[in-house]
């Protein structure tokens, strides 16, 4: 999962400028990265629900936290249309709020990573719930259904 996130992030950053003219689509990159993040989050939830060993969850949680730092860059001006995007105009009109949500997501994911590394299953469960609330809150505010 970490390799995919790294590739997506590299593609995303390259796609924000000249590379976009070469065919790299920032909308496709962000949709791919969001899908990978959803997979990492599903793993967190599955392990928490099954009361499994949380110690290995630090890496997917760190991947989510790293992606959260890149989310604002994944929505440059001019990418509000096309590519079957579900991004709402509020991403660009409420940029400060959008960036705050991304930061909060990253902070929650970092908390999961720290708790997982410590083997604290209760904290991982609570922080995974918080992470899910951050994700769904952002989707409610900034993503069309």
N, C-alpha and C. Protein backbone atom coordinates (compact mmCIF):
# COMPACT_ATOMS: atom_id res chain seq x y z
N UNK A 1 0.83 -1.19 0.00
CA UNK A 1 0.00 0.00 0.00
C UNK A 1 0.87 1.25 0.00
N UNK A 2 1.98 1.21 0.74
CA UNK A 2 2.85 2.38 0.83
C UNK A 2 3.44 2.72 -0.54
N UNK A 3 3.78 1.71 -1.32
CA UNK A 3 4.34 1.95 -2.64
C UNK A 3 3.31 2.65 -3.53
N UNK A 4 2.08 2.18 -3.50
CA UNK A 4 1.04 2.80 -4.31
C UNK A 4 0.83 4.25 -3.92
N UNK A 5 0.79 4.53 -2.62
CA UNK A 5 0.58 5.89 -2.17
C UNK A 5 1.73 6.77 -2.64
N UNK A 6 2.95 6.27 -2.56
CA UNK A 6 4.11 7.03 -3.01
C UNK A 6 4.00 7.33 -4.50
N UNK A 7 3.63 6.32 -5.29
CA UNK A 7 3.47 6.54 -6.73
C UNK A 7 2.37 7.54 -7.02
N UNK A 8 1.28 7.43 -6.31
CA UNK A 8 0.18 8.37 -6.53
C UNK A 8 0.59 9.79 -6.15
N UNK A 9 1.28 9.92 -5.03
CA UNK A 9 1.72 11.24 -4.59
C UNK A 9 2.69 11.84 -5.60
N UNK A 10 3.62 11.04 -6.09
CA UNK A 10 4.58 11.54 -7.08
C UNK A 10 3.85 11.96 -8.35
N UNK A 11 2.91 11.14 -8.77
CA UNK A 11 2.13 11.48 -9.95
C UNK A 11 1.28 12.71 -9.73
N UNK A 12 0.73 12.83 -8.55
CA UNK A 12 -0.08 13.99 -8.22
C UNK A 12 0.73 15.26 -8.30
N UNK A 13 1.88 15.25 -7.66
CA UNK A 13 2.70 16.45 -7.65
C UNK A 13 3.20 16.79 -9.05
N UNK A 14 3.57 15.78 -9.80
CA UNK A 14 4.01 16.02 -11.17
C UNK A 14 2.86 16.53 -12.01
N UNK A 15 1.66 16.05 -11.73
CA UNK A 15 0.50 16.40 -12.52
C UNK A 15 -0.06 17.78 -12.26
N UNK A 16 0.46 18.47 -11.27
CA UNK A 16 -0.07 19.78 -10.97
C UNK A 16 0.43 20.85 -11.95
N UNK A 17 1.44 20.57 -12.74
CA UNK A 17 1.98 21.60 -13.62
C UNK A 17 2.18 21.08 -15.02
N UNK A 18 3.43 21.07 -15.46
CA UNK A 18 3.77 20.71 -16.84
C UNK A 18 3.29 19.32 -17.20
N UNK A 19 3.40 18.39 -16.28
CA UNK A 19 3.03 17.01 -16.60
C UNK A 19 1.55 16.91 -16.97
N UNK A 20 0.73 17.81 -16.48
CA UNK A 20 -0.69 17.78 -16.85
C UNK A 20 -0.85 17.96 -18.36
N UNK A 21 -0.03 18.82 -18.92
CA UNK A 21 -0.07 19.01 -20.37
C UNK A 21 0.34 17.73 -21.09
N UNK A 22 1.11 16.90 -20.44
CA UNK A 22 1.55 15.63 -21.01
C UNK A 22 0.53 14.52 -20.80
N UNK A 23 -0.58 14.81 -20.18
CA UNK A 23 -1.63 13.83 -20.07
C UNK A 23 -1.95 13.32 -18.67
N UNK A 24 -1.17 13.66 -17.65
CA UNK A 24 -1.49 13.21 -16.30
C UNK A 24 -2.63 14.05 -15.76
N UNK A 25 -3.68 13.41 -15.39
CA UNK A 25 -4.90 14.09 -14.96
C UNK A 25 -4.96 14.15 -13.44
N UNK A 26 -4.90 15.37 -12.85
CA UNK A 26 -4.95 15.47 -11.39
C UNK A 26 -6.23 14.89 -10.79
N UNK A 27 -7.33 14.94 -11.53
CA UNK A 27 -8.58 14.38 -11.01
C UNK A 27 -8.45 12.86 -10.89
N UNK A 28 -7.90 12.23 -11.90
CA UNK A 28 -7.71 10.77 -11.85
C UNK A 28 -6.73 10.40 -10.75
N UNK A 29 -5.69 11.19 -10.58
CA UNK A 29 -4.70 10.91 -9.54
C UNK A 29 -5.35 10.99 -8.17
N UNK A 30 -6.11 12.05 -7.92
CA UNK A 30 -6.72 12.19 -6.59
C UNK A 30 -7.77 11.13 -6.35
N UNK A 31 -8.51 10.74 -7.39
CA UNK A 31 -9.50 9.68 -7.21
C UNK A 31 -8.82 8.35 -6.88
N UNK A 32 -7.70 8.09 -7.53
CA UNK A 32 -6.95 6.87 -7.23
C UNK A 32 -6.44 6.90 -5.80
N UNK A 33 -5.85 8.02 -5.40
CA UNK A 33 -5.30 8.13 -4.04
C UNK A 33 -6.41 8.03 -2.99
N UNK A 34 -7.57 8.61 -3.28
CA UNK A 34 -8.68 8.50 -2.34
C UNK A 34 -9.15 7.04 -2.23
N UNK A 35 -9.14 6.34 -3.35
CA UNK A 35 -9.51 4.92 -3.32
C UNK A 35 -8.54 4.10 -2.49
N UNK A 36 -7.26 4.38 -2.64
CA UNK A 36 -6.25 3.67 -1.85
C UNK A 36 -6.41 4.00 -0.36
N UNK A 37 -6.72 5.24 -0.07
CA UNK A 37 -6.94 5.64 1.32
C UNK A 37 -8.15 4.92 1.88
N UNK A 38 -9.19 4.78 1.07
CA UNK A 38 -10.36 4.02 1.51
C UNK A 38 -10.02 2.58 1.83
N UNK A 39 -9.12 1.99 1.05
CA UNK A 39 -8.67 0.63 1.34
C UNK A 39 -7.91 0.54 2.64
N UNK A 40 -7.02 1.51 2.87
CA UNK A 40 -6.29 1.53 4.14
C UNK A 40 -7.25 1.70 5.32
N UNK A 41 -8.24 2.59 5.15
CA UNK A 41 -9.20 2.81 6.23
C UNK A 41 -10.05 1.56 6.46
N UNK A 42 -10.42 0.87 5.40
CA UNK A 42 -11.19 -0.37 5.55
C UNK A 42 -10.40 -1.40 6.34
N UNK A 43 -9.10 -1.47 6.11
CA UNK A 43 -8.25 -2.38 6.89
C UNK A 43 -8.28 -2.00 8.36
N UNK A 44 -8.13 -0.71 8.66
CA UNK A 44 -8.18 -0.26 10.07
C UNK A 44 -9.49 -0.70 10.71
N UNK A 45 -10.60 -0.42 10.03
CA UNK A 45 -11.90 -0.76 10.59
C UNK A 45 -12.08 -2.26 10.77
N UNK A 46 -11.60 -3.04 9.81
CA UNK A 46 -11.76 -4.50 9.89
C UNK A 46 -10.98 -5.06 11.07
N UNK A 47 -9.77 -4.59 11.28
CA UNK A 47 -8.96 -5.09 12.40
C UNK A 47 -9.59 -4.67 13.73
N UNK A 48 -10.06 -3.45 13.80
CA UNK A 48 -10.71 -2.97 15.02
C UNK A 48 -11.96 -3.80 15.29
N UNK A 49 -12.78 -4.01 14.27
CA UNK A 49 -14.03 -4.75 14.44
C UNK A 49 -13.79 -6.20 14.86
N UNK A 50 -12.71 -6.79 14.35
CA UNK A 50 -12.43 -8.18 14.69
C UNK A 50 -11.59 -8.32 15.96
N UNK A 51 -11.26 -7.17 16.55
CA UNK A 51 -10.41 -7.14 17.76
C UNK A 51 -9.08 -7.85 17.50
N UNK A 52 -8.55 -7.60 16.29
CA UNK A 52 -7.28 -8.19 15.90
C UNK A 52 -6.09 -7.43 16.46
N UNK A 53 -4.91 -7.89 16.08
CA UNK A 53 -3.67 -7.26 16.51
C UNK A 53 -3.50 -5.94 15.77
N UNK A 54 -3.45 -4.84 16.52
CA UNK A 54 -3.40 -3.51 15.91
C UNK A 54 -1.99 -3.04 15.60
N UNK A 55 -0.99 -3.76 16.05
CA UNK A 55 0.38 -3.27 15.91
C UNK A 55 0.80 -3.04 14.46
N UNK A 56 0.27 -3.80 13.54
CA UNK A 56 0.65 -3.62 12.12
C UNK A 56 -0.14 -2.50 11.43
N UNK A 57 -1.04 -1.84 12.15
CA UNK A 57 -1.85 -0.79 11.54
C UNK A 57 -1.15 0.57 11.49
N UNK A 58 0.05 0.66 12.06
CA UNK A 58 0.72 1.96 12.02
C UNK A 58 1.05 2.38 10.60
N UNK A 59 1.44 1.45 9.73
CA UNK A 59 1.82 1.81 8.36
C UNK A 59 0.63 2.32 7.54
N UNK A 60 -0.50 1.62 7.51
CA UNK A 60 -1.63 2.19 6.75
C UNK A 60 -2.11 3.52 7.33
N UNK A 61 -2.05 3.66 8.64
CA UNK A 61 -2.45 4.93 9.26
C UNK A 61 -1.49 6.05 8.87
N UNK A 62 -0.19 5.75 8.83
CA UNK A 62 0.79 6.75 8.40
C UNK A 62 0.59 7.11 6.93
N UNK A 63 0.22 6.14 6.12
CA UNK A 63 -0.05 6.41 4.70
C UNK A 63 -1.22 7.38 4.56
N UNK A 64 -2.26 7.17 5.35
CA UNK A 64 -3.41 8.08 5.33
C UNK A 64 -2.98 9.47 5.77
N UNK A 65 -2.16 9.55 6.81
CA UNK A 65 -1.69 10.85 7.30
C UNK A 65 -0.86 11.57 6.24
N UNK A 66 -0.01 10.83 5.53
CA UNK A 66 0.80 11.44 4.47
C UNK A 66 -0.10 11.95 3.35
N UNK A 67 -1.08 11.16 2.94
CA UNK A 67 -1.99 11.59 1.89
C UNK A 67 -2.74 12.85 2.31
N UNK A 68 -3.13 12.92 3.58
CA UNK A 68 -3.87 14.09 4.06
C UNK A 68 -3.08 15.38 3.84
N UNK A 69 -1.76 15.30 3.94
CA UNK A 69 -0.96 16.51 3.72
C UNK A 69 -0.97 16.94 2.25
N UNK A 70 -1.27 16.01 1.35
CA UNK A 70 -1.27 16.30 -0.08
C UNK A 70 -2.66 16.62 -0.63
N UNK A 71 -3.69 16.35 0.13
CA UNK A 71 -5.05 16.53 -0.38
C UNK A 71 -5.29 17.94 -0.93
N UNK A 72 -4.95 19.01 -0.23
CA UNK A 72 -5.21 20.33 -0.82
C UNK A 72 -4.55 20.52 -2.19
N UNK A 73 -3.33 20.02 -2.36
CA UNK A 73 -2.64 20.15 -3.64
C UNK A 73 -3.31 19.33 -4.74
N UNK A 74 -4.10 18.36 -4.36
CA UNK A 74 -4.78 17.51 -5.33
C UNK A 74 -6.01 18.19 -5.95
N UNK A 75 -6.33 19.36 -5.46
CA UNK A 75 -7.49 20.11 -5.94
C UNK A 75 -7.08 21.50 -6.41
N UNK A 76 -6.20 21.56 -7.42
CA UNK A 76 -5.79 22.88 -7.91
C UNK A 76 -6.93 23.57 -8.64
N UNK A 77 -6.85 24.88 -8.77
CA UNK A 77 -7.87 25.60 -9.54
C UNK A 77 -8.00 24.99 -10.93
N UNK A 78 -9.23 24.94 -11.40
CA UNK A 78 -9.49 24.41 -12.72
C UNK A 78 -9.80 22.93 -12.76
N UNK A 79 -9.76 22.27 -11.61
CA UNK A 79 -10.07 20.83 -11.58
C UNK A 79 -11.41 20.57 -10.91
N UNK A 80 -12.28 21.55 -11.01
CA UNK A 80 -13.61 21.39 -10.41
C UNK A 80 -14.60 20.72 -11.36
N UNK A 81 -14.19 20.53 -12.61
CA UNK A 81 -15.07 19.90 -13.59
C UNK A 81 -14.28 18.88 -14.38
N UNK A 82 -15.01 17.89 -14.89
CA UNK A 82 -14.38 16.86 -15.71
C UNK A 82 -13.97 15.67 -14.88
N UNK A 83 -13.55 14.63 -15.56
CA UNK A 83 -13.04 13.44 -14.88
C UNK A 83 -14.02 12.78 -13.93
N UNK A 84 -15.32 13.01 -14.14
CA UNK A 84 -16.33 12.44 -13.25
C UNK A 84 -16.09 12.83 -11.80
N UNK A 85 -15.61 14.05 -11.58
CA UNK A 85 -15.34 14.51 -10.23
C UNK A 85 -16.63 14.75 -9.45
N UNK A 86 -16.56 14.47 -8.18
CA UNK A 86 -17.68 14.75 -7.29
C UNK A 86 -17.34 15.90 -6.35
N UNK A 87 -16.25 16.58 -6.67
CA UNK A 87 -15.81 17.70 -5.85
C UNK A 87 -16.82 18.85 -5.95
N UNK A 88 -17.22 19.36 -4.80
CA UNK A 88 -18.14 20.49 -4.76
C UNK A 88 -17.38 21.81 -4.88
N UNK A 89 -18.03 22.85 -5.37
CA UNK A 89 -17.37 24.15 -5.50
C UNK A 89 -16.83 24.70 -4.17
N UNK A 90 -17.39 24.25 -3.07
CA UNK A 90 -16.95 24.72 -1.75
C UNK A 90 -15.48 24.42 -1.49
N UNK A 91 -14.91 23.44 -2.17
CA UNK A 91 -13.48 23.15 -2.02
C UNK A 91 -12.67 24.39 -2.36
N UNK A 92 -13.09 25.12 -3.37
CA UNK A 92 -12.36 26.29 -3.82
C UNK A 92 -12.87 27.57 -3.17
N UNK A 93 -14.17 27.63 -2.84
CA UNK A 93 -14.70 28.85 -2.22
C UNK A 93 -14.47 28.89 -0.72
N UNK A 94 -14.29 27.74 -0.10
CA UNK A 94 -13.98 27.64 1.33
C UNK A 94 -12.65 26.90 1.49
N UNK A 95 -11.63 27.43 0.87
CA UNK A 95 -10.34 26.75 0.86
C UNK A 95 -9.79 26.55 2.27
N UNK A 96 -9.93 27.55 3.13
CA UNK A 96 -9.41 27.43 4.51
C UNK A 96 -10.10 26.28 5.24
N UNK A 97 -11.41 26.16 5.07
CA UNK A 97 -12.15 25.07 5.71
C UNK A 97 -11.74 23.71 5.17
N UNK A 98 -11.54 23.65 3.86
CA UNK A 98 -11.12 22.40 3.22
C UNK A 98 -9.73 21.98 3.72
N UNK A 99 -8.82 22.93 3.78
CA UNK A 99 -7.47 22.63 4.26
C UNK A 99 -7.48 22.22 5.73
N UNK A 100 -8.35 22.85 6.51
CA UNK A 100 -8.48 22.49 7.92
C UNK A 100 -8.97 21.04 8.06
N UNK A 101 -9.93 20.67 7.24
CA UNK A 101 -10.44 19.28 7.28
C UNK A 101 -9.33 18.29 6.95
N UNK A 102 -8.51 18.61 5.96
CA UNK A 102 -7.41 17.73 5.58
C UNK A 102 -6.41 17.60 6.73
N UNK A 103 -6.11 18.72 7.38
CA UNK A 103 -5.20 18.69 8.55
C UNK A 103 -5.78 17.81 9.66
N UNK A 104 -7.06 17.97 9.94
CA UNK A 104 -7.71 17.19 10.99
C UNK A 104 -7.68 15.70 10.66
N UNK A 105 -7.87 15.39 9.39
CA UNK A 105 -7.79 13.99 8.96
C UNK A 105 -6.39 13.46 9.22
N UNK A 106 -5.38 14.23 8.85
CA UNK A 106 -4.00 13.82 9.08
C UNK A 106 -3.68 13.65 10.54
N UNK A 107 -4.17 14.55 11.37
CA UNK A 107 -3.94 14.45 12.81
C UNK A 107 -4.59 13.19 13.38
N UNK A 108 -5.80 12.90 12.95
CA UNK A 108 -6.50 11.70 13.43
C UNK A 108 -5.76 10.44 12.98
N UNK A 109 -5.30 10.42 11.74
CA UNK A 109 -4.57 9.26 11.23
C UNK A 109 -3.25 9.08 11.98
N UNK A 110 -2.60 10.18 12.30
CA UNK A 110 -1.35 10.11 13.07
C UNK A 110 -1.62 9.53 14.46
N UNK A 111 -2.71 9.91 15.06
CA UNK A 111 -3.07 9.35 16.37
C UNK A 111 -3.27 7.85 16.28
N UNK A 112 -3.91 7.39 15.20
CA UNK A 112 -4.09 5.95 15.00
C UNK A 112 -2.73 5.28 14.90
N UNK A 113 -1.83 5.87 14.13
CA UNK A 113 -0.50 5.29 13.92
C UNK A 113 0.26 5.17 15.24
N UNK A 114 0.22 6.20 16.05
CA UNK A 114 0.93 6.19 17.34
C UNK A 114 0.34 5.13 18.26
N UNK A 115 -0.99 5.08 18.33
CA UNK A 115 -1.65 4.09 19.18
C UNK A 115 -1.38 2.68 18.68
N UNK A 116 -1.37 2.48 17.37
CA UNK A 116 -1.11 1.16 16.80
C UNK A 116 0.31 0.71 17.13
N UNK A 117 1.26 1.59 16.96
CA UNK A 117 2.66 1.24 17.24
C UNK A 117 2.82 0.83 18.71
N UNK A 118 2.05 1.48 19.59
CA UNK A 118 2.10 1.15 21.02
C UNK A 118 1.29 -0.10 21.35
N UNK A 119 0.51 -0.59 20.40
CA UNK A 119 -0.31 -1.78 20.64
C UNK A 119 -1.54 -1.50 21.48
N UNK A 120 -1.97 -0.24 21.52
CA UNK A 120 -3.11 0.16 22.34
C UNK A 120 -4.41 0.02 21.53
N UNK A 121 -5.02 -1.13 21.63
CA UNK A 121 -6.21 -1.44 20.83
C UNK A 121 -7.37 -0.49 21.12
N UNK A 122 -7.56 -0.11 22.38
CA UNK A 122 -8.65 0.81 22.72
C UNK A 122 -8.46 2.16 22.07
N UNK A 123 -7.24 2.68 22.12
CA UNK A 123 -6.96 3.98 21.50
C UNK A 123 -7.07 3.88 19.98
N UNK A 124 -6.61 2.78 19.40
CA UNK A 124 -6.74 2.59 17.95
C UNK A 124 -8.22 2.61 17.56
N UNK A 125 -9.05 1.94 18.32
CA UNK A 125 -10.48 1.90 18.02
C UNK A 125 -11.09 3.30 18.11
N UNK A 126 -10.79 4.02 19.17
CA UNK A 126 -11.34 5.37 19.34
C UNK A 126 -10.83 6.32 18.26
N UNK A 127 -9.54 6.23 17.96
CA UNK A 127 -8.96 7.14 16.97
C UNK A 127 -9.38 6.77 15.54
N UNK A 128 -9.62 5.49 15.29
CA UNK A 128 -10.14 5.09 13.98
C UNK A 128 -11.55 5.63 13.80
N UNK A 129 -12.32 5.62 14.85
CA UNK A 129 -13.67 6.20 14.79
C UNK A 129 -13.56 7.70 14.50
N UNK A 130 -12.66 8.38 15.18
CA UNK A 130 -12.45 9.81 14.94
C UNK A 130 -12.00 10.06 13.49
N UNK A 131 -11.11 9.24 12.99
CA UNK A 131 -10.65 9.37 11.62
C UNK A 131 -11.83 9.22 10.65
N UNK A 132 -12.67 8.24 10.89
CA UNK A 132 -13.85 8.05 10.05
C UNK A 132 -14.77 9.26 10.08
N UNK A 133 -14.91 9.86 11.25
CA UNK A 133 -15.74 11.07 11.37
C UNK A 133 -15.13 12.22 10.59
N UNK A 134 -13.80 12.32 10.61
CA UNK A 134 -13.13 13.37 9.84
C UNK A 134 -13.37 13.17 8.35
N UNK A 135 -13.21 11.94 7.89
CA UNK A 135 -13.42 11.64 6.48
C UNK A 135 -14.86 11.93 6.06
N UNK A 136 -15.82 11.41 6.82
CA UNK A 136 -17.20 11.60 6.42
C UNK A 136 -17.62 13.07 6.54
N UNK A 137 -17.08 13.78 7.51
CA UNK A 137 -17.39 15.21 7.63
C UNK A 137 -16.92 15.99 6.41
N UNK A 138 -15.75 15.65 5.94
CA UNK A 138 -15.22 16.32 4.74
C UNK A 138 -16.06 15.95 3.52
N UNK A 139 -16.42 14.69 3.41
CA UNK A 139 -17.24 14.28 2.28
C UNK A 139 -18.60 14.98 2.30
N UNK A 140 -19.18 15.15 3.48
CA UNK A 140 -20.47 15.83 3.56
C UNK A 140 -20.38 17.28 3.12
N UNK A 141 -19.27 17.92 3.47
CA UNK A 141 -19.11 19.35 3.16
C UNK A 141 -18.59 19.61 1.75
N UNK A 142 -17.79 18.69 1.21
CA UNK A 142 -17.04 19.00 0.00
C UNK A 142 -17.19 17.99 -1.14
N UNK A 143 -18.05 17.00 -0.97
CA UNK A 143 -18.20 15.98 -2.02
C UNK A 143 -19.67 15.77 -2.33
N UNK A 144 -19.99 15.78 -3.61
CA UNK A 144 -21.37 15.51 -4.04
C UNK A 144 -21.68 14.05 -3.82
N UNK A 145 -22.91 13.77 -3.53
CA UNK A 145 -23.32 12.37 -3.29
C UNK A 145 -23.41 11.60 -4.57
